[in-house]
Amino acid sequence: DIDRKNAQTAEILKKQGAQLIEFEKLYKEEQVLRKRYFNTIE
């Protein structure tokens, strides 16, 4: 039962890690677009 719980925890952490990477990627892209947009205005 402990093994199963550990496996579930590992799976959850793996998913969260993947989501975090995806989120950081989107955040960086947004920063780039924001700068580009800002430069266009000026």
PDB file of N, CA and C in Angstrom:
ATOM      1  N   ASP A   1       0.832  -1.206   0.000  1.00  0.00           N
ATOM      2  CA  ASP A   1       0.000   0.000   0.000  1.00  0.00           C
ATOM      3  C   ASP A   1       0.870   1.261   0.000  1.00  0.00           C
ATOM      4  N   ILE A   2       1.979   1.190   0.730  1.00  0.00           N
ATOM      5  CA  ILE A   2       2.896   2.336   0.765  1.00  0.00           C
ATOM      6  C   ILE A   2       3.498   2.557  -0.621  1.00  0.00           C
ATOM      7  N   ASP A   3       3.843   1.448  -1.288  1.00  0.00           N
ATOM      8  CA  ASP A   3       4.401   1.559  -2.639  1.00  0.00           C
ATOM      9  C   ASP A   3       3.415   2.234  -3.581  1.00  0.00           C
ATOM     10  N   ARG A   4       2.150   1.850  -3.461  1.00  0.00           N
ATOM     11  CA  ARG A   4       1.141   2.428  -4.337  1.00  0.00           C
ATOM     12  C   ARG A   4       1.004   3.929  -4.074  1.00  0.00           C
ATOM     13  N   LYS A   5       1.045   4.287  -2.801  1.00  0.00           N
ATOM     14  CA  LYS A   5       0.933   5.699  -2.432  1.00  0.00           C
ATOM     15  C   LYS A   5       2.136   6.485  -2.970  1.00  0.00           C
ATOM     16  N   ASN A   6       3.315   5.901  -2.858  1.00  0.00           N
ATOM     17  CA  ASN A   6       4.517   6.548  -3.385  1.00  0.00           C
ATOM     18  C   ASN A   6       4.428   6.725  -4.895  1.00  0.00           C
ATOM     19  N   ALA A   7       3.906   5.707  -5.570  1.00  0.00           N
ATOM     20  CA  ALA A   7       3.765   5.778  -7.025  1.00  0.00           C
ATOM     21  C   ALA A   7       2.796   6.893  -7.400  1.00  0.00           C
ATOM     22  N   GLN A   8       1.708   7.003  -6.664  1.00  0.00           N
ATOM     23  CA  GLN A   8       0.725   8.060  -6.931  1.00  0.00           C
ATOM     24  C   GLN A   8       1.351   9.432  -6.705  1.00  0.00           C
ATOM     25  N   THR A   9       2.086   9.553  -5.614  1.00  0.00           N
ATOM     26  CA  THR A   9       2.737  10.825  -5.300  1.00  0.00           C
ATOM     27  C   THR A   9       3.733  11.196  -6.394  1.00  0.00           C
ATOM     28  N   ALA A  10       4.511  10.220  -6.836  1.00  0.00           N
ATOM     29  CA  ALA A  10       5.497  10.466  -7.891  1.00  0.00           C
ATOM     30  C   ALA A  10       4.799  10.918  -9.172  1.00  0.00           C
ATOM     31  N   GLU A  11       3.677  10.283  -9.475  1.00  0.00           N
ATOM     32  CA  GLU A  11       2.914  10.627 -10.684  1.00  0.00           C
ATOM     33  C   GLU A  11       2.401  12.064 -10.597  1.00  0.00           C
ATOM     34  N   ILE A  12       1.883  12.427  -9.443  1.00  0.00           N
ATOM     35  CA  ILE A  12       1.364  13.783  -9.236  1.00  0.00           C
ATOM     36  C   ILE A  12       2.489  14.811  -9.363  1.00  0.00           C
ATOM     37  N   LEU A  13       3.624  14.514  -8.744  1.00  0.00           N
ATOM     38  CA  LEU A  13       4.751  15.439  -8.804  1.00  0.00           C
ATOM     39  C   LEU A  13       5.244  15.599 -10.238  1.00  0.00           C
ATOM     40  N   LYS A  14       5.249  14.489 -10.979  1.00  0.00           N
ATOM     41  CA  LYS A  14       5.697  14.533 -12.365  1.00  0.00           C
ATOM     42  C   LYS A  14       4.773  15.431 -13.185  1.00  0.00           C
ATOM     43  N   LYS A  15       3.467  15.282 -12.967  1.00  0.00           N
ATOM     44  CA  LYS A  15       2.495  16.108 -13.688  1.00  0.00           C
ATOM     45  C   LYS A  15       2.658  17.574 -13.313  1.00  0.00           C
ATOM     46  N   GLN A  16       2.836  17.835 -12.027  1.00  0.00           N
ATOM     47  CA  GLN A  16       2.992  19.221 -11.576  1.00  0.00           C
ATOM     48  C   GLN A  16       4.255  19.824 -12.172  1.00  0.00           C
ATOM     49  N   GLY A  17       5.322  19.024 -12.226  1.00  0.00           N
ATOM     50  CA  GLY A  17       6.573  19.490 -12.807  1.00  0.00           C
ATOM     51  C   GLY A  17       6.391  19.868 -14.266  1.00  0.00           C
ATOM     52  N   ALA A  18       5.666  19.027 -14.991  1.00  0.00           N
ATOM     53  CA  ALA A  18       5.417  19.288 -16.410  1.00  0.00           C
ATOM     54  C   ALA A  18       4.581  20.552 -16.571  1.00  0.00           C
ATOM     55  N   GLN A  19       3.597  20.726 -15.704  1.00  0.00           N
ATOM     56  CA  GLN A  19       2.750  21.919 -15.768  1.00  0.00           C
ATOM     57  C   GLN A  19       3.569  23.168 -15.476  1.00  0.00           C
ATOM     58  N   LEU A  20       4.492  23.055 -14.533  1.00  0.00           N
ATOM     59  CA  LEU A  20       5.319  24.193 -14.164  1.00  0.00           C
ATOM     60  C   LEU A  20       6.202  24.611 -15.338  1.00  0.00           C
ATOM     61  N   ILE A  21       6.796  23.621 -16.014  1.00  0.00           N
ATOM     62  CA  ILE A  21       7.638  23.908 -17.172  1.00  0.00           C
ATOM     63  C   ILE A  21       6.810  24.593 -18.256  1.00  0.00           C
ATOM     64  N   GLU A  22       5.614  24.061 -18.499  1.00  0.00           N
ATOM     65  CA  GLU A  22       4.708  24.631 -19.502  1.00  0.00           C
ATOM     66  C   GLU A  22       4.355  26.072 -19.132  1.00  0.00           C
ATOM     67  N   PHE A  23       4.070  26.294 -17.850  1.00  0.00           N
ATOM     68  CA  PHE A  23       3.692  27.616 -17.365  1.00  0.00           C
ATOM     69  C   PHE A  23       4.840  28.607 -17.542  1.00  0.00           C
ATOM     70  N   GLU A  24       6.060  28.167 -17.214  1.00  0.00           N
ATOM     71  CA  GLU A  24       7.217  29.047 -17.359  1.00  0.00           C
ATOM     72  C   GLU A  24       7.443  29.410 -18.818  1.00  0.00           C
ATOM     73  N   LYS A  25       7.224  28.441 -19.705  1.00  0.00           N
ATOM     74  CA  LYS A  25       7.388  28.678 -21.127  1.00  0.00           C
ATOM     75  C   LYS A  25       6.400  29.740 -21.599  1.00  0.00           C
ATOM     76  N   LEU A  26       5.138  29.579 -21.204  1.00  0.00           N
ATOM     77  CA  LEU A  26       4.109  30.542 -21.586  1.00  0.00           C
ATOM     78  C   LEU A  26       4.431  31.922 -21.021  1.00  0.00           C
ATOM     79  N   TYR A  27       4.917  31.947 -19.790  1.00  0.00           N
ATOM     80  CA  TYR A  27       5.238  33.209 -19.136  1.00  0.00           C
ATOM     81  C   TYR A  27       6.347  33.936 -19.894  1.00  0.00           C
ATOM     82  N   LYS A  28       7.390  33.195 -20.281  1.00  0.00           N
ATOM     83  CA  LYS A  28       8.494  33.803 -21.018  1.00  0.00           C
ATOM     84  C   LYS A  28       8.028  34.327 -22.366  1.00  0.00           C
ATOM     85  N   GLU A  29       7.193  33.528 -23.047  1.00  0.00           N
ATOM     86  CA  GLU A  29       6.671  33.969 -24.342  1.00  0.00           C
ATOM     87  C   GLU A  29       5.868  35.253 -24.178  1.00  0.00           C
ATOM     88  N   GLU A  30       5.083  35.315 -23.110  1.00  0.00           N
ATOM     89  CA  GLU A  30       4.268  36.496 -22.863  1.00  0.00           C
ATOM     90  C   GLU A  30       5.153  37.710 -22.620  1.00  0.00           C
ATOM     91  N   GLN A  31       6.234  37.526 -21.869  1.00  0.00           N
ATOM     92  CA  GLN A  31       7.154  38.630 -21.592  1.00  0.00           C
ATOM     93  C   GLN A  31       7.743  39.161 -22.896  1.00  0.00           C
ATOM     94  N   VAL A  32       8.128  38.241 -23.783  1.00  0.00           N
ATOM     95  CA  VAL A  32       8.715  38.631 -25.064  1.00  0.00           C
ATOM     96  C   VAL A  32       7.704  39.414 -25.897  1.00  0.00           C
ATOM     97  N   LEU A  33       6.479  38.889 -25.969  1.00  0.00           N
ATOM     98  CA  LEU A  33       5.436  39.565 -26.745  1.00  0.00           C
ATOM     99  C   LEU A  33       5.129  40.938 -26.163  1.00  0.00           C
ATOM    100  N   ARG A  34       5.122  41.015 -24.843  1.00  0.00           N
ATOM    101  CA  ARG A  34       4.822  42.276 -24.166  1.00  0.00           C
ATOM    102  C   ARG A  34       5.881  43.321 -24.503  1.00  0.00           C
ATOM    103  N   LYS A  35       7.153  42.916 -24.468  1.00  0.00           N
ATOM    104  CA  LYS A  35       8.239  43.837 -24.794  1.00  0.00           C
ATOM    105  C   LYS A  35       8.125  44.306 -26.233  1.00  0.00           C
ATOM    106  N   ARG A  36       7.851  43.347 -27.135  1.00  0.00           N
ATOM    107  CA  ARG A  36       7.739  43.671 -28.548  1.00  0.00           C
ATOM    108  C   ARG A  36       6.609  44.678 -28.767  1.00  0.00           C
ATOM    109  N   TYR A  37       5.484  44.410 -28.115  1.00  0.00           N
ATOM    110  CA  TYR A  37       4.313  45.272 -28.231  1.00  0.00           C
ATOM    111  C   TYR A  37       4.631  46.669 -27.695  1.00  0.00           C
ATOM    112  N   PHE A  38       5.320  46.694 -26.567  1.00  0.00           N
ATOM    113  CA  PHE A  38       5.671  47.955 -25.931  1.00  0.00           C
ATOM    114  C   PHE A  38       6.600  48.767 -26.830  1.00  0.00           C
ATOM    115  N   ASN A  39       7.557  48.086 -27.443  1.00  0.00           N
ATOM    116  CA  ASN A  39       8.493  48.759 -28.340  1.00  0.00           C
ATOM    117  C   ASN A  39       7.784  49.298 -29.570  1.00  0.00           C
ATOM    118  N   THR A  40       6.756  48.602 -30.022  1.00  0.00           N
ATOM    119  CA  THR A  40       5.995  49.039 -31.197  1.00  0.00           C
ATOM    120  C   THR A  40       5.256  50.335 -30.894  1.00  0.00           C
ATOM    121  N   ILE A  41       4.752  50.461 -29.690  1.00  0.00           N
ATOM    122  CA  ILE A  41       3.999  51.648 -29.290  1.00  0.00           C
ATOM    123  C   ILE A  41       4.899  52.881 -29.237  1.00  0.00           C
ATOM    124  N   GLU A  42       6.095  52.711 -28.720  1.00  0.00           N
ATOM    125  CA  GLU A  42       6.976  53.866 -28.521  1.00  0.00           C
ATOM    126  C   GLU A  42       7.523  54.451 -29.805  1.00  0.00           C
TER     127      GLU A  42
END
